[in-house]
Amino acid sequence: MKAEALKIGMWVKGRTENDELFQGYIESLDPQTQSVMVRVIHSDHARLAGQVVQTPAGRVQAVEESPLDAEGHLLNFIDIALTTRDKQWFMELTSILKELRQSREDGESEAGNASGGRQVSPFSQ
């Protein structure tokens, strides 16, 4: 991927110069060396998790973004926030999760009353 397409905060996956697989987010870019500094969240080498690695920009690619409307996604991001000890992000994510669960409970309660007690998922169309 070209360095100009990469941005700080972007989630990427790739390989280090030692060919170690990783997933993480970009903390900084170095246009002179065409490299990126990535905070590793997952890797095939456990020792890299939580570390910052520098790798050529051509060895990373953007990870497709997912919406924050699914509980499973939120729980995964909460795990990442805990791993990286990002208290602000953790608090934000747990607040979103609480709102999602409350919304789902309210929706199921209303749908249950309207459908004669049958459970209806708020995510179904």
Protein backbone atom coordinates (compact mmCIF):
# COMPACT_ATOMS: atom_id res chain seq x y z
CA MET A 1 0.00 0.00 0.00
CA LYS A 2 1.32 3.45 -0.83
CA ALA A 3 2.41 5.52 2.15
CA GLU A 4 0.23 8.49 1.10
CA ALA A 5 -2.90 6.28 1.41
CA LEU A 6 -2.02 5.35 5.01
CA LYS A 7 -3.13 7.52 7.93
CA ILE A 8 -2.39 7.67 11.63
CA GLY A 9 -4.98 5.64 13.55
CA MET A 10 -5.74 3.39 10.57
CA TRP A 11 -6.12 -0.32 11.38
CA VAL A 12 -3.72 -2.42 9.33
CA LYS A 13 -2.40 -5.93 8.97
CA GLY A 14 0.95 -6.92 7.59
CA ARG A 15 4.38 -8.40 8.16
CA THR A 16 7.44 -7.09 9.93
CA GLU A 17 10.83 -7.13 8.24
CA ASN A 18 11.36 -10.47 10.07
CA ASP A 19 8.20 -11.81 8.34
CA GLU A 20 6.10 -11.86 11.54
CA LEU A 21 2.35 -11.45 10.93
CA PHE A 22 0.58 -8.70 12.86
CA GLN A 23 -2.58 -6.62 13.16
CA GLY A 24 -2.66 -3.22 14.78
CA TYR A 25 -3.06 0.49 14.19
CA ILE A 26 -0.69 3.09 12.79
CA GLU A 27 0.85 5.38 15.40
CA SER A 28 3.10 7.34 13.03
CA LEU A 29 4.29 7.57 9.45
CA ASP A 30 7.80 8.29 8.15
CA PRO A 31 7.56 9.57 4.57
CA GLN A 32 11.36 9.74 4.21
CA THR A 33 11.86 6.01 4.79
CA GLN A 34 8.39 5.03 3.52
CA SER A 35 7.77 3.16 6.77
CA VAL A 36 5.05 3.06 9.43
CA MET A 37 5.09 2.59 13.18
CA VAL A 38 2.32 0.17 14.14
CA ARG A 39 1.01 -0.65 17.63
CA VAL A 40 0.62 -4.42 17.41
CA ILE A 41 -2.58 -5.86 18.87
CA HIS A 42 -2.41 -9.42 17.50
CA SER A 43 0.53 -11.34 16.07
CA ASP A 44 1.68 -14.84 15.31
CA HIS A 45 4.48 -14.03 17.78
CA ALA A 46 2.86 -13.28 21.14
CA ARG A 47 5.83 -11.16 22.27
CA LEU A 48 4.87 -8.48 19.72
CA ALA A 49 1.42 -7.83 21.20
CA GLY A 50 1.36 -4.35 22.72
CA GLN A 51 4.69 -3.41 21.11
CA VAL A 52 5.30 -0.78 18.44
CA VAL A 53 7.03 -2.09 15.32
CA GLN A 54 8.45 -0.23 12.36
CA THR A 55 7.87 -1.80 8.97
CA PRO A 56 7.95 -0.66 5.35
CA ALA A 57 4.62 0.83 4.23
CA GLY A 58 4.49 -1.67 1.38
CA ARG A 59 4.24 -4.53 3.87
CA VAL A 60 0.94 -3.37 5.40
CA GLN A 61 -2.62 -3.10 4.13
CA ALA A 62 -5.71 -1.49 5.59
CA VAL A 63 -8.14 -3.66 7.53
CA GLU A 64 -11.79 -3.26 6.53
CA GLU A 65 -13.65 -1.18 9.09
CA SER A 66 -16.60 -2.69 10.94
CA PRO A 67 -19.52 -0.80 12.41
CA LEU A 68 -19.75 -0.54 16.19
CA ASP A 69 -23.32 -1.81 16.28
CA ALA A 70 -22.66 -5.47 17.00
CA GLU A 71 -22.02 -6.61 20.54
CA GLY A 72 -19.31 -9.05 19.44
CA HIS A 73 -17.34 -6.28 17.76
CA LEU A 74 -17.61 -4.12 20.85
CA LEU A 75 -16.42 -6.93 23.11
CA ASN A 76 -13.40 -7.47 20.85
CA PHE A 77 -12.57 -3.76 20.91
CA ILE A 78 -12.95 -3.73 24.70
CA ASP A 79 -10.38 -6.56 24.87
CA ILE A 80 -8.04 -4.47 22.70
CA ALA A 81 -8.55 -1.41 24.90
CA LEU A 82 -7.67 -3.53 27.94
CA THR A 83 -4.60 -4.97 26.21
CA THR A 84 -3.34 -1.51 25.29
CA ARG A 85 -4.39 -0.06 28.67
CA ASP A 86 -6.36 2.69 26.94
CA LYS A 87 -8.71 3.72 29.74
CA GLN A 88 -10.52 6.45 27.78
CA TRP A 89 -11.28 4.12 24.86
CA PHE A 90 -12.34 1.37 27.29
CA MET A 91 -14.78 3.73 29.01
CA GLU A 92 -16.17 4.90 25.66
CA LEU A 93 -16.65 1.34 24.40
CA THR A 94 -18.27 0.05 27.59
CA SER A 95 -20.66 3.01 27.49
CA ILE A 96 -21.63 2.14 23.90
CA LEU A 97 -22.06 -1.53 24.91
CA LYS A 98 -24.30 -0.56 27.82
CA GLU A 99 -26.45 1.62 25.54
CA LEU A 100 -26.66 -1.18 22.95
CA ARG A 101 -27.75 -3.74 25.54
CA GLN A 102 -30.29 -1.34 27.05
CA SER A 103 -31.65 -0.53 23.60
CA ARG A 104 -31.93 -4.23 22.80
CA GLU A 105 -33.71 -4.97 26.10
CA ASP A 106 -36.13 -2.10 25.50
CA GLY A 107 -36.73 -3.29 21.93
CA GLU A 108 -37.32 -6.89 23.01
CA SER A 109 -39.68 -5.78 25.75
CA GLU A 110 -41.75 -3.66 23.34
CA ALA A 111 -41.62 -6.28 20.59
CA GLY A 112 -42.54 -9.02 23.07
CA ASN A 113 -45.62 -7.12 24.15
CA ALA A 114 -46.65 -6.41 20.56
CA SER A 115 -46.04 -9.99 19.41
CA GLY A 116 -47.84 -11.80 22.18
CA GLY A 117 -44.70 -12.57 24.19
CA ARG A 118 -42.61 -13.86 21.27
CA GLN A 119 -38.96 -12.73 21.45
CA VAL A 120 -38.01 -10.52 18.50
CA SER A 121 -34.43 -9.42 17.89
CA PRO A 122 -34.04 -5.67 17.36
CA PHE A 123 -31.47 -6.50 14.65
CA SER A 124 -33.87 -8.44 12.45
CA GLN A 125 -35.66 -6.63 9.65
